[in-house]
Amino acid sequence: MIYAILGSGGIGLTLANELGTRNKNIILVDKDSAKIETLREQNLNAIHGDIGDQEVTGKLDFKHIRSVFIVSSDIEANKKALEFIKKNAPSVQIVVRAHEYQQKEEMEALGADLVVLPSKLPHKAIALAIVQYIERITSVKLAQELKKLVSSVGDGKFAIVIHNNPDPDAISSALGLKEIAASVGVKADILYLGKIGHHENKAFVNLLNIELDPSKDFKASDYKKIALVECSAAGVNNMLPPGTEVSIVIDHHQADIDEVKAEYVDIRPNIGAAATIMTKYLQDLEIPMKTELATALLYGIKVDTDDFKRNTDPADLIAAAYLHPLANHEILSRIETPPRSIEEIDVLGEAIKNREIKGSYLISNVGTIRDRDTLAQAADYLLTLEGITTTIIFGLGEDQINISGRSRDIRVNIGKVMRDAFGEDKAGGHATLAGAQIPLGVFGGTKDKQTLLKLAEEVVVKRLLSVIGIQEGSG
């Protein structure tokens, strides 16, 4: 979504900086052509024009604008912009600047969500207060819209679909959505394909008595509404057939918003865990937090942020602080220290033995695997080796090549590397963590495992090295 700032004076520019630190898309409008030129030189999206002119404000794409900040020093122009936007985009949140209380009352009567009277406070303090206010009302509004949509299921069936072989973040987030559904009397099924493979994930599900349905007989027609949690497209790493109509999408991974089709979409790539988003929903809807759910959500956040060391946003820390006193820490401790599986040790041994190092990159083929989560564990472990900043570990499953990547090199976005190498529909992840699944396709009928492994290695290594820009054979 876009945040429009009308007027790029002191408050407007400080607002732009504050929103920029939160990775928000911004558009600025100002009648000073020299200032607009300077903003464009700074790679900011800026439009030249008088904000009091309907032809100028009419050029804004309100379909993609979440909030408008009308903060020029020309109060009459501010008023005209407010009237036009309220008439043509009544659902857009509007913050407007006034000079005195009489103007404030007038603008409130015209429908402004917040009217700001500049004070002697620094512009940064004013901008921060405005952004926090907008984030708060946006958060509550989103939660209420979600609750309303879920309640429309009524006596029908509600499916919460999570990605294949789900992790604690996906599972706990689905549990949070199921709790929201229960608050409005709607029964929900949490569905997935694959298995709970990681030993910690198994402990997580068992110790918290989490009910999941690894359904292979799913029929979309059986459900009145379908939600996708921690994934955003039907048929991409989830059980839904491509093209399945989805009502709700909640995710924290990068996605092309224009390609996401649903009645309700909340994708926040700046957030470290979907469990953080779900925690905020539950807070905003004032739904009591049960101990088991708080424990699950806290663990989901901890896992996806690697104990707040990876892709962590202040919102993740705030959510964790809220959940911490409500969670069962004895259970958390037992989840985090389960016994190691024999396959995990075997896969790690193969990854070490077969490692190929190219500069600071380590690539390893571990052979055939049963549990693809062992790849992620090996990738994490080998990333601690001296001189290694990126690890890519892959193995051969029953019908696909599974790949796990990790990076601590600020110059490398391992999620983008995976997507560029294997395609948006087969790979995904973040700058520091990513994975891919490549169907064997025509090679699936090959019975000779050694031949399959050789083919897998050729495909994976060649594509990755090409994207990374390393010549094959170089050390």
Protein backbone atom coordinates (compact mmCIF):
# COMPACT_ATOMS: atom_id res chain seq x y z
CA MET A 1 0.00 0.00 0.00
CA ILE A 2 1.00 3.63 -0.56
CA TYR A 3 1.19 6.53 1.90
CA ALA A 4 0.61 9.94 0.29
CA ILE A 5 2.13 13.08 1.79
CA LEU A 6 0.62 16.34 0.51
CA GLY A 7 3.02 19.13 1.30
CA SER A 8 6.75 18.52 1.70
CA GLY A 9 7.69 21.12 4.28
CA GLY A 10 9.41 20.27 7.55
CA ILE A 11 6.66 17.99 8.87
CA GLY A 12 6.06 16.39 5.46
CA LEU A 13 9.72 15.52 4.88
CA THR A 14 10.12 14.21 8.43
CA LEU A 15 7.04 12.05 7.90
CA ALA A 16 8.57 10.73 4.69
CA ASN A 17 11.78 9.83 6.54
CA GLU A 18 9.86 8.12 9.36
CA LEU A 19 7.77 6.08 6.93
CA GLY A 20 10.87 5.29 4.90
CA THR A 21 12.52 3.68 7.93
CA ARG A 22 9.50 1.35 8.06
CA ASN A 23 9.86 0.39 4.39
CA LYS A 24 6.59 2.09 3.39
CA ASN A 25 5.86 3.13 -0.19
CA ILE A 26 5.56 6.92 -0.27
CA ILE A 27 4.37 9.53 -2.74
CA LEU A 28 4.87 13.27 -2.10
CA VAL A 29 2.98 16.19 -3.66
CA ASP A 30 4.18 19.81 -3.51
CA LYS A 31 3.78 22.98 -5.60
CA ASP A 32 7.45 23.95 -5.28
CA SER A 33 9.00 22.65 -8.51
CA ALA A 34 12.59 23.02 -7.24
CA LYS A 35 11.78 20.98 -4.16
CA ILE A 36 10.09 18.29 -6.28
CA GLU A 37 13.17 18.05 -8.48
CA THR A 38 15.36 17.60 -5.39
CA LEU A 39 13.06 14.86 -4.06
CA ARG A 40 13.20 13.03 -7.36
CA GLU A 41 16.99 13.21 -7.34
CA GLN A 42 16.76 11.40 -3.98
CA ASN A 43 14.78 8.63 -5.75
CA LEU A 44 11.53 9.64 -4.05
CA ASN A 45 8.21 9.41 -5.86
CA ALA A 46 7.18 13.07 -6.10
CA ILE A 47 4.44 14.94 -8.01
CA HIS A 48 4.49 18.65 -8.80
CA GLY A 49 1.20 20.48 -8.22
CA ASP A 50 -1.06 22.47 -5.90
CA ILE A 51 -2.74 20.09 -3.43
CA GLY A 52 -5.80 22.37 -3.42
CA ASP A 53 -6.29 21.66 -7.12
CA GLN A 54 -8.66 18.73 -7.76
CA GLU A 55 -6.84 17.89 -11.00
CA VAL A 56 -3.68 17.28 -8.96
CA THR A 57 -5.22 15.27 -6.12
CA GLY A 58 -7.37 13.42 -8.67
CA LYS A 59 -4.23 11.88 -10.15
CA LEU A 60 -3.57 9.92 -6.95
CA ASP A 61 -4.38 6.21 -7.16
CA PHE A 62 -6.60 5.94 -4.09
CA LYS A 63 -7.22 2.25 -4.74
CA HIS A 64 -3.68 1.60 -3.53
CA ILE A 65 -3.41 4.39 -0.94
CA ARG A 66 -3.85 3.48 2.72
CA SER A 67 -3.31 6.88 4.36
CA VAL A 68 -3.00 10.53 3.28
CA PHE A 69 -1.08 13.12 5.29
CA ILE A 70 -2.20 16.65 4.32
CA VAL A 71 0.47 18.73 6.04
CA SER A 72 1.15 21.85 3.95
CA SER A 73 1.20 25.26 5.63
CA ASP A 74 -1.62 26.43 3.29
CA ILE A 75 -4.70 25.63 5.40
CA GLU A 76 -7.19 26.47 2.65
CA ALA A 77 -5.42 24.09 0.28
CA ASN A 78 -5.42 21.45 3.03
CA LYS A 79 -9.16 21.87 3.47
CA LYS A 80 -9.85 21.53 -0.27
CA ALA A 81 -7.70 18.39 -0.46
CA LEU A 82 -9.49 16.92 2.56
CA GLU A 83 -12.94 17.56 1.05
CA PHE A 84 -11.96 16.06 -2.30
CA ILE A 85 -10.36 12.92 -0.82
CA LYS A 86 -13.18 12.32 1.66
CA LYS A 87 -15.70 12.52 -1.19
CA ASN A 88 -13.80 10.31 -3.64
CA ALA A 89 -12.04 7.89 -1.28
CA PRO A 90 -14.03 7.79 1.97
CA SER A 91 -12.23 4.71 3.34
CA VAL A 92 -8.75 6.26 3.15
CA GLN A 93 -7.33 7.40 6.49
CA ILE A 94 -6.61 11.13 6.54
CA VAL A 95 -4.36 13.18 8.80
CA VAL A 96 -4.56 16.92 8.17
CA ARG A 97 -2.72 19.95 9.50
CA ALA A 98 -4.46 23.04 10.94
CA HIS A 99 -3.21 26.19 12.67
CA GLU A 100 -5.86 26.79 15.32
CA TYR A 101 -8.62 24.99 17.21
CA GLN A 102 -11.47 26.45 15.14
CA GLN A 103 -9.87 25.02 11.98
CA LYS A 104 -9.34 21.73 13.81
CA GLU A 105 -13.03 21.43 14.64
CA GLU A 106 -13.98 22.32 11.06
CA MET A 107 -11.68 19.67 9.59
CA GLU A 108 -12.89 17.04 12.03
CA ALA A 109 -16.43 17.83 10.89
CA LEU A 110 -15.27 17.26 7.29
CA GLY A 111 -14.15 13.74 8.23
CA ALA A 112 -10.45 13.94 9.08
CA ASP A 113 -9.29 11.01 11.22
CA LEU A 114 -6.70 13.17 12.96
CA VAL A 115 -6.07 16.91 12.92
CA VAL A 116 -2.58 18.08 13.91
CA LEU A 117 -1.85 21.49 15.41
CA PRO A 118 1.89 22.15 15.05
CA SER A 119 3.51 22.78 18.41
CA LYS A 120 6.98 23.64 19.65
CA LEU A 121 7.85 19.94 19.61
CA PRO A 122 10.53 18.85 17.11
CA HIS A 123 9.19 17.73 13.73
CA LYS A 124 10.49 14.21 14.38
CA ALA A 125 8.38 13.89 17.54
CA ILE A 126 5.28 15.12 15.67
CA ALA A 127 5.94 12.78 12.73
CA LEU A 128 6.51 9.79 15.03
CA ALA A 129 3.25 10.47 16.90
CA ILE A 130 1.34 10.72 13.60
CA VAL A 131 2.79 7.48 12.23
CA GLN A 132 2.13 5.60 15.47
CA TYR A 133 -1.46 6.85 15.48
CA ILE A 134 -2.03 5.75 11.89
CA GLU A 135 -0.44 2.35 12.53
CA ARG A 136 -2.67 1.85 15.57
CA ILE A 137 -5.95 2.67 13.82
CA THR A 138 -4.86 0.73 10.73
CA SER A 139 -4.10 -2.30 12.87
CA VAL A 140 -7.46 -2.21 14.64
CA LYS A 141 -9.31 -1.67 11.37
CA LEU A 142 -7.57 -4.63 9.72
CA ALA A 143 -8.36 -6.88 12.68
CA GLN A 144 -12.02 -5.86 12.65
CA GLU A 145 -12.28 -6.45 8.89
CA LEU A 146 -10.76 -9.91 9.33
CA LYS A 147 -13.14 -10.78 12.16
CA LYS A 148 -16.13 -9.61 10.12
CA LEU A 149 -15.11 -11.73 7.14
CA VAL A 150 -14.54 -14.82 9.29
CA SER A 151 -17.89 -14.33 11.04
CA SER A 152 -19.63 -14.40 7.64
CA VAL A 153 -18.85 -18.14 7.50
CA GLY A 154 -21.64 -18.65 10.04
CA ASP A 155 -22.57 -22.33 10.28
CA GLY A 156 -20.49 -23.17 7.21
CA LYS A 157 -16.99 -24.65 7.16
CA PHE A 158 -13.82 -22.57 7.37
CA ALA A 159 -10.47 -23.92 6.10
CA ILE A 160 -7.15 -22.53 7.32
CA VAL A 161 -4.50 -23.81 4.90
CA ILE A 162 -0.81 -23.57 5.80
CA HIS A 163 2.21 -24.39 3.67
CA ASN A 164 3.42 -27.94 3.09
CA ASN A 165 5.55 -29.48 5.86
CA PRO A 166 4.58 -26.56 8.15
CA ASP A 167 6.88 -24.91 10.66
CA PRO A 168 5.98 -23.45 14.09
CA ASP A 169 5.31 -19.97 12.69
CA ALA A 170 2.72 -21.29 10.21
CA ILE A 171 1.15 -23.64 12.78
CA SER A 172 0.93 -21.09 15.59
CA SER A 173 -0.46 -18.42 13.24
CA ALA A 174 -3.13 -20.85 12.05
CA LEU A 175 -4.00 -21.54 15.69
CA GLY A 176 -4.38 -17.79 16.25
CA LEU A 177 -6.76 -17.47 13.30
CA LYS A 178 -8.69 -20.49 14.56
CA GLU A 179 -9.07 -18.70 17.91
CA ILE A 180 -10.43 -15.60 16.15
CA ALA A 181 -12.92 -17.84 14.33
CA ALA A 182 -13.96 -19.45 17.63
CA SER A 183 -14.61 -16.00 19.12
CA VAL A 184 -17.40 -15.50 16.55
CA GLY A 185 -18.73 -19.06 16.79
CA VAL A 186 -17.08 -20.35 13.60
CA LYS A 187 -15.43 -23.78 13.52
CA ALA A 188 -12.20 -24.00 11.56
CA ASP A 189 -10.02 -26.81 10.22
CA ILE A 190 -6.24 -26.33 9.97
CA LEU A 191 -5.09 -28.20 6.86
CA TYR A 192 -1.74 -29.00 5.25
CA LEU A 193 0.12 -31.54 3.13
CA GLY A 194 3.38 -33.25 3.97
CA LYS A 195 4.58 -33.96 7.46
CA ILE A 196 5.82 -32.36 10.65
CA GLY A 197 9.41 -33.44 10.15
CA HIS A 198 11.78 -31.39 12.31
CA HIS A 199 12.27 -32.98 15.76
CA GLU A 200 11.60 -29.63 17.47
CA ASN A 201 8.44 -29.16 15.40
CA LYS A 202 7.20 -32.61 16.45
CA ALA A 203 7.83 -31.73 20.09
CA PHE A 204 6.05 -28.41 19.54
CA VAL A 205 2.90 -30.11 18.18
CA ASN A 206 2.91 -32.94 20.72
CA LEU A 207 3.58 -30.93 23.88
CA LEU A 208 0.94 -28.32 23.02
CA ASN A 209 -1.62 -30.92 21.84
CA ILE A 210 -2.11 -29.11 18.55
CA GLU A 211 -4.77 -30.57 16.25
CA LEU A 212 -3.81 -30.52 12.57
CA ASP A 213 -5.27 -32.33 9.58
CA PRO A 214 -2.74 -33.63 7.01
CA SER A 215 -5.67 -33.97 4.61
CA LYS A 216 -5.25 -35.53 1.19
CA ASP A 217 -8.99 -35.54 0.42
CA PHE A 218 -9.48 -31.78 0.42
CA LYS A 219 -12.37 -30.33 -1.58
CA ALA A 220 -12.59 -26.55 -1.81
CA SER A 221 -16.33 -26.81 -2.40
CA ASP A 222 -16.76 -28.20 1.14
CA TYR A 223 -15.72 -24.86 2.63
CA LYS A 224 -17.51 -21.53 2.63
CA LYS A 225 -14.25 -19.59 3.16
CA ILE A 226 -10.59 -20.56 2.74
CA ALA A 227 -7.66 -18.77 4.38
CA LEU A 228 -4.00 -19.07 3.40
CA VAL A 229 -1.61 -18.45 6.28
CA GLU A 230 2.16 -17.98 5.80
CA CYS A 231 1.77 -18.44 2.07
CA SER A 232 0.00 -16.25 -0.48
CA ALA A 233 -0.86 -18.16 -3.65
CA ALA A 234 -2.97 -21.27 -4.15
CA GLY A 235 -0.87 -24.16 -5.40
CA VAL A 236 2.50 -22.67 -4.42
CA ASN A 237 3.91 -24.86 -1.63
CA ASN A 238 0.45 -25.66 -0.29
CA MET A 239 -2.30 -28.22 -0.80
CA LEU A 240 -4.68 -25.97 -2.76
CA PRO A 241 -5.04 -26.64 -6.49
CA PRO A 242 -3.80 -23.64 -8.55
CA GLY A 243 -6.61 -21.18 -9.16
CA THR A 244 -8.56 -22.12 -6.02
CA GLU A 245 -10.62 -19.18 -4.79
CA VAL A 246 -9.16 -17.89 -1.52
CA SER A 247 -10.89 -15.43 0.83
CA ILE A 248 -8.06 -14.56 3.23
CA VAL A 249 -4.29 -14.26 2.81
CA ILE A 250 -2.03 -13.51 5.79
CA ASP A 251 1.73 -13.72 5.26
CA HIS A 252 5.05 -12.04 6.04
CA HIS A 253 6.97 -13.16 2.97
CA GLN A 254 7.66 -10.92 -0.01
CA ALA A 255 4.96 -11.22 -2.68
CA ASP A 256 3.65 -9.39 -5.73
CA ILE A 257 0.56 -7.81 -4.16
CA ASP A 258 -1.09 -7.29 -7.53
CA GLU A 259 -0.95 -11.06 -8.11
CA VAL A 260 -2.48 -11.99 -4.74
CA LYS A 261 -6.19 -12.64 -5.21
CA ALA A 262 -8.38 -12.62 -2.09
CA GLU A 263 -11.10 -10.61 -0.37
CA TYR A 264 -8.74 -9.86 2.51
CA VAL A 265 -4.97 -9.55 2.07
CA ASP A 266 -2.48 -8.67 4.80
CA ILE A 267 1.13 -9.20 3.71
CA ARG A 268 3.86 -7.51 5.76
CA PRO A 269 7.34 -8.46 4.46
CA ASN A 270 9.02 -6.20 7.02
CA ILE A 271 7.69 -8.37 9.86
CA GLY A 272 9.83 -11.33 10.96
CA ALA A 273 7.02 -13.80 11.67
CA ALA A 274 3.37 -14.35 10.76
CA ALA A 275 2.84 -15.12 14.46
CA THR A 276 3.60 -11.46 15.19
CA ILE A 277 0.77 -10.37 12.87
CA MET A 278 -1.60 -12.85 14.48
CA THR A 279 -0.63 -11.74 18.00
CA LYS A 280 -1.50 -8.15 17.09
CA TYR A 281 -4.89 -9.25 15.71
CA LEU A 282 -5.71 -11.00 18.97
CA GLN A 283 -4.65 -7.93 20.96
CA ASP A 284 -6.63 -5.50 18.81
CA LEU A 285 -9.73 -7.71 18.99
CA GLU A 286 -9.27 -8.06 22.78
CA ILE A 287 -9.50 -11.85 22.59
CA PRO A 288 -8.17 -13.46 25.80
CA MET A 289 -4.83 -15.19 25.19
CA LYS A 290 -4.76 -18.80 26.36
CA THR A 291 -1.48 -20.14 27.74
CA GLU A 292 -1.08 -22.78 25.01
CA LEU A 293 -1.69 -20.24 22.24
CA ALA A 294 0.70 -17.69 23.79
CA THR A 295 3.35 -20.40 24.04
CA ALA A 296 2.84 -21.46 20.43
CA LEU A 297 2.93 -17.89 19.07
CA LEU A 298 6.02 -16.96 21.09
CA TYR A 299 7.83 -20.05 19.83
CA GLY A 300 6.73 -19.28 16.25
CA ILE A 301 8.25 -15.79 16.50
CA LYS A 302 11.45 -17.09 18.10
CA VAL A 303 11.96 -19.71 15.38
CA ASP A 304 11.28 -17.49 12.37
CA THR A 305 13.49 -14.68 13.70
CA ASP A 306 16.18 -17.09 14.94
CA ASP A 307 15.75 -15.79 18.49
CA PHE A 308 15.45 -12.19 17.18
CA LYS A 309 18.76 -12.30 15.29
CA ARG A 310 17.25 -12.53 11.77
CA ASN A 311 14.70 -10.35 9.90
CA THR A 312 13.47 -8.87 13.16
CA ASP A 313 11.18 -5.85 13.23
CA PRO A 314 10.32 -3.87 16.39
CA ALA A 315 6.81 -5.33 16.04
CA ASP A 316 8.26 -8.83 16.61
CA LEU A 317 9.88 -7.68 19.84
CA ILE A 318 6.68 -5.97 21.01
CA ALA A 319 4.62 -9.09 20.29
CA ALA A 320 7.14 -11.30 22.08
CA ALA A 321 7.15 -8.98 25.11
CA TYR A 322 3.35 -9.26 25.27
CA LEU A 323 3.41 -13.06 24.96
CA HIS A 324 6.35 -13.74 27.28
CA PRO A 325 4.51 -13.50 30.64
CA LEU A 326 1.54 -15.46 29.25
CA ALA A 327 3.54 -18.42 27.88
CA ASN A 328 4.48 -21.71 29.55
CA HIS A 329 8.27 -21.51 29.67
CA GLU A 330 8.72 -25.04 30.98
CA ILE A 331 7.07 -26.37 27.80
CA LEU A 332 9.11 -23.93 25.68
CA SER A 333 12.32 -25.27 27.21
CA ARG A 334 11.28 -28.87 26.47
CA ILE A 335 10.40 -27.95 22.86
CA GLU A 336 13.74 -26.25 22.29
CA THR A 337 15.86 -29.13 23.62
CA PRO A 338 14.40 -32.36 22.18
CA PRO A 339 16.61 -35.36 21.38
CA ARG A 340 18.42 -35.22 18.00
CA SER A 341 17.26 -37.62 15.29
CA ILE A 342 19.71 -40.08 13.70
CA GLU A 343 18.83 -38.72 10.23
CA GLU A 344 19.74 -35.19 11.30
CA ILE A 345 23.22 -36.33 12.35
CA ASP A 346 23.61 -38.43 9.18
CA VAL A 347 22.60 -35.54 6.90
CA LEU A 348 24.94 -33.16 8.71
CA GLY A 349 27.75 -35.68 8.27
CA GLU A 350 27.04 -35.97 4.52
CA ALA A 351 26.89 -32.17 4.20
CA ILE A 352 30.30 -31.84 5.83
CA LYS A 353 31.83 -34.69 3.79
CA ASN A 354 30.43 -33.51 0.42
CA ARG A 355 30.95 -29.79 0.93
CA GLU A 356 32.23 -27.76 -2.00
CA ILE A 357 33.57 -24.32 -1.11
CA LYS A 358 33.70 -21.49 -3.63
CA GLY A 359 34.99 -18.36 -1.98
CA SER A 360 32.67 -17.71 0.96
CA TYR A 361 29.94 -19.98 -0.48
CA LEU A 362 29.50 -23.57 0.69
CA ILE A 363 27.37 -25.91 -1.43
CA SER A 364 26.74 -29.53 -0.48
CA ASN A 365 24.74 -32.45 -1.86
CA VAL A 366 23.67 -34.74 1.00
CA GLY A 367 22.12 -37.45 -1.20
CA THR A 368 18.71 -38.94 -0.50
CA ILE A 369 16.69 -37.67 2.46
CA ARG A 370 13.41 -38.44 4.19
CA ASP A 371 13.07 -35.28 6.25
CA ARG A 372 13.79 -32.06 4.36
CA ASP A 373 14.05 -30.10 7.63
CA THR A 374 17.43 -31.77 8.18
CA LEU A 375 18.73 -29.67 5.28
CA ALA A 376 17.90 -26.43 7.13
CA GLN A 377 19.66 -27.71 10.25
CA ALA A 378 22.77 -28.56 8.24
CA ALA A 379 22.68 -25.18 6.48
CA ASP A 380 22.46 -23.38 9.83
CA TYR A 381 25.31 -25.39 11.34
CA LEU A 382 27.70 -25.00 8.41
CA LEU A 383 27.08 -21.24 8.31
CA THR A 384 29.12 -21.07 11.54
CA LEU A 385 32.28 -22.25 9.74
CA GLU A 386 35.10 -19.70 9.55
CA GLY A 387 35.13 -17.86 6.21
CA ILE A 388 31.67 -19.11 5.16
CA THR A 389 28.92 -16.51 4.72
CA THR A 390 26.42 -18.46 2.56
CA THR A 391 25.42 -22.13 2.67
CA ILE A 392 23.26 -24.05 0.19
CA ILE A 393 22.43 -27.65 1.10
CA PHE A 394 20.30 -29.89 -1.12
CA GLY A 395 19.06 -33.45 -1.16
CA LEU A 396 16.81 -35.79 -3.10
CA GLY A 397 13.35 -36.51 -1.72
CA GLU A 398 10.77 -38.95 -3.08
CA ASP A 399 9.67 -36.81 -6.02
CA GLN A 400 11.61 -33.55 -5.78
CA ILE A 401 14.95 -31.93 -5.10
CA ASN A 402 14.83 -30.07 -1.77
CA ILE A 403 17.15 -27.11 -1.20
CA SER A 404 17.83 -25.00 1.89
CA GLY A 405 19.92 -21.83 1.90
CA ARG A 406 21.27 -19.52 4.59
CA SER A 407 23.34 -16.33 4.34
CA ARG A 408 24.86 -13.78 6.69
CA ASP A 409 26.43 -11.76 3.86
CA ILE A 410 24.69 -8.37 3.69
CA ARG A 411 25.45 -8.27 -0.05
CA VAL A 412 23.52 -11.49 -0.70
CA ASN A 413 19.73 -11.91 -0.70
CA ILE A 414 19.51 -15.70 -0.59
CA GLY A 415 15.73 -15.60 -1.14
CA LYS A 416 16.22 -13.68 -4.41
CA VAL A 417 19.04 -16.01 -5.43
CA MET A 418 16.73 -19.01 -5.02
CA ARG A 419 13.85 -17.35 -6.89
CA ASP A 420 16.10 -16.25 -9.75
CA ALA A 421 17.63 -19.72 -10.02
CA PHE A 422 14.50 -21.87 -9.74
CA GLY A 423 11.47 -19.59 -10.28
CA GLU A 424 8.95 -17.78 -8.08
CA ASP A 425 6.68 -20.85 -7.97
CA LYS A 426 9.38 -23.20 -6.69
CA ALA A 427 11.43 -21.03 -4.33
CA GLY A 428 11.03 -18.36 -1.72
CA GLY A 429 12.35 -16.88 1.49
CA HIS A 430 14.12 -13.87 2.94
CA ALA A 431 17.49 -12.18 2.55
CA THR A 432 19.07 -14.57 5.08
CA LEU A 433 16.92 -17.71 4.81
CA ALA A 434 15.38 -19.47 1.81
CA GLY A 435 14.32 -22.78 0.34
CA ALA A 436 13.24 -24.39 -2.90
CA GLN A 437 11.55 -27.56 -4.12
CA ILE A 438 12.18 -28.67 -7.69
CA PRO A 439 9.91 -31.44 -9.02
CA LEU A 440 11.84 -34.27 -10.66
CA GLY A 441 9.46 -34.20 -13.63
CA VAL A 442 10.71 -36.36 -16.49
CA PHE A 443 13.55 -37.67 -14.30
CA GLY A 444 11.07 -39.02 -11.75
CA GLY A 445 10.90 -42.38 -13.51
CA THR A 446 14.63 -42.94 -13.21
CA LYS A 447 15.13 -45.84 -10.82
CA ASP A 448 18.90 -45.45 -10.43
CA LYS A 449 19.35 -43.21 -7.39
CA GLN A 450 22.96 -42.41 -8.25
CA THR A 451 21.91 -41.16 -11.68
CA LEU A 452 19.19 -39.04 -10.09
CA LEU A 453 21.65 -37.59 -7.60
CA LYS A 454 24.07 -36.68 -10.37
CA LEU A 455 21.29 -35.03 -12.40
CA ALA A 456 20.11 -33.16 -9.29
CA GLU A 457 23.59 -31.89 -8.55
CA GLU A 458 24.13 -30.72 -12.13
CA VAL A 459 20.82 -28.83 -12.20
CA VAL A 460 21.15 -27.21 -8.77
CA VAL A 461 24.81 -26.25 -8.87
CA LYS A 462 24.74 -24.95 -12.46
CA ARG A 463 21.73 -22.71 -11.87
CA LEU A 464 22.95 -21.40 -8.53
CA LEU A 465 26.45 -20.61 -9.73
CA SER A 466 25.02 -18.86 -12.78
CA VAL A 467 22.82 -16.61 -10.64
CA ILE A 468 25.56 -15.95 -8.08
CA GLY A 469 28.07 -15.21 -10.86
CA ILE A 470 30.69 -17.84 -10.04
CA GLN A 471 32.34 -19.86 -12.78
CA GLU A 472 32.03 -23.63 -12.43
CA GLY A 473 35.29 -25.18 -11.40
CA SER A 474 36.52 -22.06 -9.58
CA GLY A 475 37.51 -22.46 -5.96
